Amino acid sequence: MIYMDYAATTPMTKKALEAYVEVAQRYYGNSSSLHDLGGQAHYFIQQSREIIANELGVNSDGVIFTGSGTEGNIMAILSLALASKKGKHIISSQAEHTSVHAALNTLEKMGFEVTKLPLQKDGCIDSKQLLLAIRKDTALISIQHVNSEIGSIQPVEKIIEAAKESAVYCHIDCVQSFGKLTIPRGGDAMTISAHKIGGPKGCGAVYINPAIRVPALTPGVTHERGLRGGTLDTPSIVSFAAAVENNSYERQHYEELRRYFKSRLPKAGRLIECKQQLPNICGVRMSKVEGQYVLLKLNEAGISISTGSACDIHSESGTKAILSMNYSMEAARQFFRISFGDSTTFKEIDRLTMELATI
């Protein structure tokens, strides 16, 4: 099987697996327990928190471990929106991850108003349009750093600056960018996930500025600053930190793979190019062929790809990013995603494009 769906998830690295097994076997105590095994687990969790905070460039006091990027997004958005005293207006984009839209839908039911900005043809939101959308009652701006469907990189530095100038809280979804791009400083909250960089599934983290007094979404829980309930998954957390320490992203190599892929695409294929883009995520359209059909035919040939975010596989309306960029519904249905990883080779791309030419 040729795997080309790394934007959905990555295989665990050797170091991450070794860390998981060792901690699960030797340091299995509950990190909240007062005995020695509990103290050991607590120590390793705190060390992991420091490693992840250092990678994010934040104070470790603000790092909260979660069960996924989805949970982190929902926690950050709801917490910051409810903590704000400015009003009940939120700015986001039309192309955010499903978890962000879920949180925004919840807030709308609570009386919040949400402005969802479209993506321009270059794959990015218009910074000027965002500035015009900020109002006196704007409480929060929530924007993804990298779009998981087309790889477009949003101008988050400008967005954070605009939020600061207007005293608006700012959340950045860094699930796709963490470990691949420099994470911009100054955001009030950031979300990351372990399994996108060779760590375990079911483990993520969210940074929420500890200077902000956010309400507990589930009052009475005692873990993670009182913001999340449940015994911490020590093996997964330590494995996450090991993945962070051993992670590398060779952007030049991915750019070469992307150029090679583009040069060998069949005539019916169109690679979606953006102004700023993570090169390992390739959004593609093939005229007169639905993306779902391409996925099924490639799967028969032993090649794994995606039609977009794995969290949107049941959607019948195409991808949010393509539709937000004002592509037609027909074009959105033709979309599929190729995403490269550490082990992707030029030979595998040859096989992929050969199979695409037969569809």
Protein backbone atom coordinates (compact mmCIF):
# COMPACT_ATOMS: atom_id res chain seq x y z
CA MET A 1 0.00 0.00 0.00
CA ILE A 2 1.27 3.46 -0.96
CA TYR A 3 0.18 5.95 1.71
CA MET A 4 -0.43 9.54 0.61
CA ASP A 5 -2.83 10.80 3.27
CA TYR A 6 -0.37 12.26 5.80
CA ALA A 7 -2.50 15.38 6.32
CA ALA A 8 -5.15 13.09 7.84
CA THR A 9 -2.74 11.23 10.11
CA THR A 10 0.83 9.97 10.24
CA PRO A 11 2.29 6.66 11.40
CA MET A 12 3.92 6.83 14.82
CA THR A 13 7.66 7.31 14.71
CA LYS A 14 10.03 4.78 16.27
CA LYS A 15 10.99 7.19 19.08
CA ALA A 16 7.36 7.99 19.85
CA LEU A 17 6.45 4.29 19.97
CA GLU A 18 9.41 3.46 22.21
CA ALA A 19 8.49 6.27 24.60
CA TYR A 20 4.87 5.12 24.72
CA VAL A 21 5.73 1.51 25.48
CA GLU A 22 8.32 2.35 28.15
CA VAL A 23 6.03 4.71 30.03
CA ALA A 24 3.03 2.39 29.75
CA GLN A 25 5.04 -0.48 31.18
CA ARG A 26 7.13 1.28 33.84
CA TYR A 27 5.45 4.55 34.82
CA TYR A 28 1.79 3.57 34.85
CA GLY A 29 0.74 5.46 37.96
CA ASN A 30 -2.02 8.05 37.98
CA SER A 31 -0.29 11.42 37.78
CA SER A 32 -2.68 12.78 40.41
CA SER A 33 -1.83 10.08 42.96
CA LEU A 34 0.46 10.98 45.86
CA HIS A 35 2.57 7.81 45.87
CA ASP A 36 5.90 7.41 44.07
CA LEU A 37 4.45 5.97 40.86
CA GLY A 38 2.03 8.88 40.68
CA GLY A 39 4.87 11.32 41.28
CA GLN A 40 6.90 9.76 38.47
CA ALA A 41 3.99 10.04 36.06
CA HIS A 42 3.43 13.66 37.11
CA TYR A 43 7.13 14.44 36.54
CA PHE A 44 7.09 13.03 33.00
CA ILE A 45 3.91 14.93 32.15
CA GLN A 46 5.44 18.18 33.35
CA GLN A 47 8.62 17.52 31.34
CA SER A 48 6.48 16.88 28.27
CA ARG A 49 4.51 20.06 28.91
CA GLU A 50 7.79 22.03 28.94
CA ILE A 51 8.93 20.46 25.65
CA ILE A 52 5.68 21.31 23.90
CA ALA A 53 5.53 24.80 25.39
CA ASN A 54 9.08 25.45 24.20
CA GLU A 55 8.15 24.40 20.67
CA LEU A 56 5.16 26.74 20.76
CA GLY A 57 7.16 29.55 22.35
CA VAL A 58 4.78 29.93 25.29
CA ASN A 59 4.69 29.54 29.06
CA SER A 60 4.12 25.91 30.03
CA ASP A 61 1.48 26.99 32.58
CA GLY A 62 -0.87 27.61 29.65
CA VAL A 63 -0.46 24.19 27.99
CA ILE A 64 -3.43 21.89 28.61
CA PHE A 65 -3.41 18.31 27.34
CA THR A 66 -6.49 17.17 25.43
CA GLY A 67 -7.76 14.06 23.69
CA SER A 68 -7.48 15.60 20.20
CA GLY A 69 -7.16 18.76 18.14
CA THR A 70 -10.94 18.75 17.88
CA GLU A 71 -11.34 18.90 21.66
CA GLY A 72 -8.68 21.62 21.83
CA ASN A 73 -10.45 23.78 19.24
CA ILE A 74 -13.80 23.47 20.96
CA MET A 75 -12.31 24.15 24.41
CA ALA A 76 -10.35 27.21 23.24
CA ILE A 77 -13.18 28.81 21.26
CA LEU A 78 -15.90 28.31 23.84
CA SER A 79 -13.64 29.31 26.75
CA LEU A 80 -12.35 32.52 25.16
CA ALA A 81 -15.76 33.56 23.84
CA LEU A 82 -17.34 33.11 27.25
CA ALA A 83 -14.43 34.83 29.00
CA SER A 84 -14.65 37.97 26.88
CA LYS A 85 -16.48 40.97 28.29
CA LYS A 86 -16.61 42.84 24.97
CA GLY A 87 -19.69 41.31 23.41
CA LYS A 88 -21.04 38.40 21.41
CA HIS A 89 -19.50 38.75 17.95
CA ILE A 90 -16.95 36.28 16.55
CA ILE A 91 -14.91 36.33 13.34
CA SER A 92 -13.74 33.15 11.61
CA SER A 93 -13.52 31.79 8.06
CA GLN A 94 -15.77 29.61 5.94
CA ALA A 95 -13.01 27.03 5.52
CA GLU A 96 -12.23 26.15 9.13
CA HIS A 97 -12.02 22.61 10.49
CA THR A 98 -15.32 20.93 11.34
CA SER A 99 -14.57 21.21 15.07
CA VAL A 100 -14.34 25.00 14.79
CA HIS A 101 -17.70 25.19 13.03
CA ALA A 102 -19.16 22.92 15.72
CA ALA A 103 -17.98 25.30 18.44
CA LEU A 104 -19.26 28.33 16.53
CA ASN A 105 -22.65 26.67 16.01
CA THR A 106 -22.86 26.09 19.76
CA LEU A 107 -22.09 29.75 20.45
CA GLU A 108 -24.69 30.90 17.92
CA LYS A 109 -27.30 28.95 19.87
CA MET A 110 -26.14 30.91 22.93
CA GLY A 111 -26.79 34.23 21.20
CA PHE A 112 -23.42 34.93 19.57
CA GLU A 113 -23.20 36.31 16.04
CA VAL A 114 -20.53 34.80 13.76
CA THR A 115 -18.95 36.42 10.71
CA LYS A 116 -17.36 33.79 8.43
CA LEU A 117 -14.95 35.27 5.91
CA PRO A 118 -14.43 33.61 2.50
CA LEU A 119 -11.06 32.58 1.12
CA GLN A 120 -9.78 34.53 -1.85
CA LYS A 121 -8.60 32.82 -5.04
CA ASP A 122 -5.11 32.71 -3.53
CA GLY A 123 -6.42 30.49 -0.72
CA CYS A 124 -6.13 33.14 2.00
CA ILE A 125 -8.59 35.39 3.76
CA ASP A 126 -8.41 39.08 2.89
CA SER A 127 -6.69 40.90 5.79
CA LYS A 128 -8.46 44.14 4.90
CA GLN A 129 -11.81 42.37 4.93
CA LEU A 130 -10.99 40.98 8.37
CA LEU A 131 -10.14 44.45 9.69
CA LEU A 132 -13.45 45.78 8.39
CA ALA A 133 -15.27 42.89 10.09
CA ILE A 134 -13.97 43.80 13.58
CA ARG A 135 -16.63 45.57 15.63
CA LYS A 136 -16.83 47.09 19.09
CA ASP A 137 -18.57 43.95 20.31
CA THR A 138 -16.13 41.49 18.67
CA ALA A 139 -15.03 39.02 21.33
CA LEU A 140 -12.91 36.53 19.40
CA ILE A 141 -11.14 35.83 16.12
CA SER A 142 -10.52 32.14 15.33
CA ILE A 143 -8.46 31.27 12.24
CA GLN A 144 -6.53 28.19 11.15
CA HIS A 145 -2.83 28.59 10.39
CA VAL A 146 -2.78 26.02 7.56
CA ASN A 147 -5.82 24.71 5.72
CA SER A 148 -5.88 20.92 5.81
CA GLU A 149 -7.49 20.57 2.37
CA ILE A 150 -5.34 22.78 0.16
CA GLY A 151 -2.40 23.69 2.44
CA SER A 152 -2.90 27.46 2.22
CA ILE A 153 -1.08 29.42 4.93
CA GLN A 154 -3.14 32.21 6.47
CA PRO A 155 -1.54 35.58 7.39
CA VAL A 156 -1.87 34.82 11.10
CA GLU A 157 0.79 37.32 12.17
CA LYS A 158 -1.35 40.15 10.75
CA ILE A 159 -4.46 38.62 12.26
CA ILE A 160 -2.90 38.42 15.74
CA GLU A 161 -1.71 42.02 15.41
CA ALA A 162 -5.17 43.21 14.37
CA ALA A 163 -6.73 41.35 17.29
CA LYS A 164 -4.28 42.89 19.78
CA GLU A 165 -4.92 46.41 18.48
CA SER A 166 -8.66 45.93 18.96
CA ALA A 167 -8.36 44.09 22.32
CA VAL A 168 -9.97 40.99 20.80
CA TYR A 169 -9.05 37.47 21.85
CA CYS A 170 -7.38 35.42 19.11
CA HIS A 171 -7.33 31.63 18.65
CA ILE A 172 -5.13 29.96 16.03
CA ASP A 173 -5.74 26.37 14.93
CA CYS A 174 -2.17 25.10 14.48
CA VAL A 175 -2.98 21.40 14.03
CA GLN A 176 -1.62 21.27 10.46
CA SER A 177 1.21 23.77 10.95
CA PHE A 178 2.72 22.57 14.24
CA GLY A 179 6.10 20.98 13.59
CA LYS A 180 6.17 22.31 10.03
CA LEU A 181 6.09 26.10 10.33
CA THR A 182 7.22 28.59 12.95
CA ILE A 183 4.22 29.19 15.18
CA PRO A 184 3.54 32.93 15.46
CA ARG A 185 3.75 34.49 18.91
CA GLY A 186 1.05 36.48 20.61
CA GLY A 187 -2.06 34.35 20.13
CA ASP A 188 -4.31 33.92 23.14
CA ALA A 189 -4.93 30.28 22.31
CA MET A 190 -3.39 27.70 19.97
CA THR A 191 -4.42 24.13 19.21
CA ILE A 192 -2.11 21.25 18.25
CA SER A 193 -2.35 17.48 17.79
CA ALA A 194 0.13 14.62 18.25
CA HIS A 195 -0.81 12.32 15.39
CA LYS A 196 -0.04 14.88 12.68
CA ILE A 197 3.70 14.70 13.50
CA GLY A 198 4.27 11.03 14.27
CA GLY A 199 2.77 10.94 17.74
CA PRO A 200 -0.18 8.87 18.99
CA LYS A 201 -3.80 9.41 18.06
CA GLY A 202 -6.13 10.53 20.82
CA CYS A 203 -3.68 13.09 22.21
CA GLY A 204 -3.40 16.82 21.64
CA ALA A 205 -2.85 20.06 23.48
CA VAL A 206 -4.25 23.55 23.62
CA TYR A 207 -2.48 26.64 24.85
CA ILE A 208 -4.73 29.13 26.58
CA ASN A 209 -3.04 32.23 27.93
CA PRO A 210 -2.97 31.67 31.72
CA ALA A 211 -3.43 35.41 32.27
CA ILE A 212 -6.98 35.07 30.91
CA ARG A 213 -9.50 33.82 33.47
CA VAL A 214 -11.51 31.42 31.33
CA PRO A 215 -14.54 29.61 32.73
CA ALA A 216 -14.50 25.83 33.09
CA LEU A 217 -16.79 24.31 30.48
CA THR A 218 -17.52 21.52 32.94
CA PRO A 219 -17.52 23.10 36.42
CA GLY A 220 -16.11 20.93 39.16
CA VAL A 221 -13.45 19.03 37.20
CA THR A 222 -10.01 19.07 38.79
CA HIS A 223 -7.46 18.21 36.11
CA GLU A 224 -5.52 20.60 33.85
CA ARG A 225 -6.14 23.87 35.70
CA GLY A 226 -9.70 22.76 36.31
CA LEU A 227 -10.46 23.01 32.59
CA ARG A 228 -10.59 19.32 31.68
CA GLY A 229 -11.66 16.21 33.52
CA GLY A 230 -10.20 12.72 33.39
CA THR A 231 -6.97 10.96 34.26
CA LEU A 232 -4.16 12.14 31.99
CA ASP A 233 -2.86 9.64 29.42
CA THR A 234 0.78 9.67 30.51
CA PRO A 235 2.12 7.30 27.81
CA SER A 236 0.49 9.29 25.01
CA ILE A 237 1.64 12.64 26.41
CA VAL A 238 5.26 11.49 26.75
CA SER A 239 5.05 9.94 23.29
CA PHE A 240 3.75 13.28 21.96
CA ALA A 241 6.76 15.06 23.45
CA ALA A 242 9.11 12.46 21.95
CA ALA A 243 7.54 13.06 18.53
CA VAL A 244 8.07 16.81 18.96
CA GLU A 245 11.73 16.37 19.93
CA ASN A 246 12.44 14.11 16.96
CA ASN A 247 10.30 15.88 14.39
CA SER A 248 11.75 17.39 11.24
CA TYR A 249 10.12 18.98 8.23
CA GLU A 250 12.29 19.32 5.13
CA ARG A 251 10.32 21.92 3.24
CA GLN A 252 12.65 21.96 0.24
CA HIS A 253 12.22 18.22 -0.21
CA TYR A 254 8.43 18.56 -0.14
CA GLU A 255 8.59 21.39 -2.64
CA GLU A 256 10.56 19.10 -4.96
CA LEU A 257 7.98 16.33 -4.52
CA ARG A 258 5.20 18.80 -5.27
CA ARG A 259 6.87 20.10 -8.44
CA TYR A 260 7.52 16.53 -9.57
CA PHE A 261 3.89 15.57 -8.93
CA LYS A 262 2.60 18.65 -10.79
CA SER A 263 4.83 17.96 -13.80
CA ARG A 264 3.43 14.43 -14.13
CA LEU A 265 -0.26 15.12 -13.53
CA PRO A 266 -2.52 13.95 -16.37
CA LYS A 267 -3.92 16.73 -18.57
CA ALA A 268 -7.28 16.46 -16.85
CA GLY A 269 -5.67 17.16 -13.47
CA ARG A 270 -5.36 20.63 -11.92
CA LEU A 271 -3.25 21.37 -8.84
CA ILE A 272 -4.71 24.10 -6.65
CA GLU A 273 -2.01 26.70 -6.04
CA CYS A 274 -2.10 29.27 -3.25
CA LYS A 275 -0.19 32.44 -2.47
CA GLN A 276 1.44 30.85 0.59
CA GLN A 277 1.22 27.07 0.85
CA LEU A 278 2.49 24.07 2.78
CA PRO A 279 4.00 22.06 -0.10
CA ASN A 280 3.23 18.56 1.19
CA ILE A 281 -0.56 19.16 0.91
CA CYS A 282 -1.74 18.98 -2.70
CA GLY A 283 -5.35 19.81 -3.50
CA VAL A 284 -6.26 18.42 -6.92
CA ARG A 285 -9.20 18.46 -9.31
CA MET A 286 -9.76 16.20 -12.29
CA SER A 287 -12.28 17.44 -14.85
CA LYS A 288 -15.37 15.25 -15.37
CA VAL A 289 -14.37 12.89 -12.52
CA GLU A 290 -15.65 13.04 -8.94
CA GLY A 291 -13.06 12.98 -6.18
CA GLN A 292 -14.79 10.08 -4.46
CA TYR A 293 -14.41 7.99 -7.61
CA VAL A 294 -10.71 8.86 -7.81
CA LEU A 295 -10.27 7.83 -4.18
CA LEU A 296 -11.98 4.47 -4.77
CA LYS A 297 -10.02 3.67 -7.94
CA LEU A 298 -6.71 4.55 -6.31
CA ASN A 299 -7.62 2.50 -3.26
CA GLU A 300 -8.20 -0.49 -5.57
CA ALA A 301 -4.71 0.13 -6.93
CA GLY A 302 -3.23 0.13 -3.41
CA ILE A 303 -2.85 3.91 -3.01
CA SER A 304 -4.39 5.77 -0.05
CA ILE A 305 -5.52 9.37 -0.59
CA SER A 306 -8.36 11.57 0.69
CA THR A 307 -11.17 13.73 -0.64
CA GLY A 308 -10.47 16.36 2.04
CA SER A 309 -10.48 16.48 5.82
CA ALA A 310 -11.10 13.06 7.36
CA CYS A 311 -13.65 14.78 9.61
CA ASP A 312 -15.75 15.68 6.55
CA ILE A 313 -15.88 12.32 4.75
CA HIS A 314 -19.67 12.13 4.97
CA SER A 315 -20.21 15.55 3.41
CA GLU A 316 -21.89 15.50 -0.01
CA SER A 317 -21.21 19.13 -0.82
CA GLY A 318 -17.51 19.00 -1.61
CA THR A 319 -14.84 20.63 0.51
CA LYS A 320 -15.26 23.83 2.52
CA ALA A 321 -12.02 25.36 1.22
CA ILE A 322 -12.88 24.99 -2.46
CA LEU A 323 -16.40 26.31 -1.99
CA SER A 324 -15.08 29.20 0.09
CA MET A 325 -12.73 30.13 -2.78
CA ASN A 326 -15.85 30.50 -4.95
CA TYR A 327 -15.32 27.35 -7.00
CA SER A 328 -18.48 25.78 -8.37
CA MET A 329 -20.17 22.84 -6.68
CA GLU A 330 -19.11 20.70 -9.64
CA ALA A 331 -15.47 21.66 -9.10
CA ALA A 332 -15.80 20.95 -5.38
CA ARG A 333 -17.07 17.45 -6.09
CA GLN A 334 -14.04 16.85 -8.32
CA PHE A 335 -11.64 17.64 -5.48
CA PHE A 336 -9.28 15.16 -3.86
CA ARG A 337 -6.19 15.57 -1.71
CA ILE A 338 -2.71 14.08 -1.96
CA SER A 339 -0.47 14.66 1.06
CA PHE A 340 3.16 13.60 1.34
CA GLY A 341 5.14 12.42 4.35
CA ASP A 342 8.68 11.53 5.37
CA SER A 343 8.68 8.25 3.48
CA THR A 344 7.07 9.46 0.24
CA THR A 345 9.31 8.79 -2.77
CA PHE A 346 9.47 10.00 -6.36
CA LYS A 347 8.87 6.40 -7.44
CA GLU A 348 5.60 6.39 -5.50
CA ILE A 349 4.57 9.61 -7.24
CA ASP A 350 5.30 7.95 -10.58
CA ARG A 351 2.96 5.11 -9.63
CA LEU A 352 0.30 7.57 -8.42
CA THR A 353 0.30 9.65 -11.59
CA MET A 354 0.33 6.52 -13.75
CA GLU A 355 -2.83 5.31 -12.00
CA LEU A 356 -4.45 8.76 -12.25
CA ALA A 357 -3.86 8.70 -16.01
CA THR A 358 -6.01 5.56 -16.30
CA ILE A 359 -9.04 7.11 -14.55
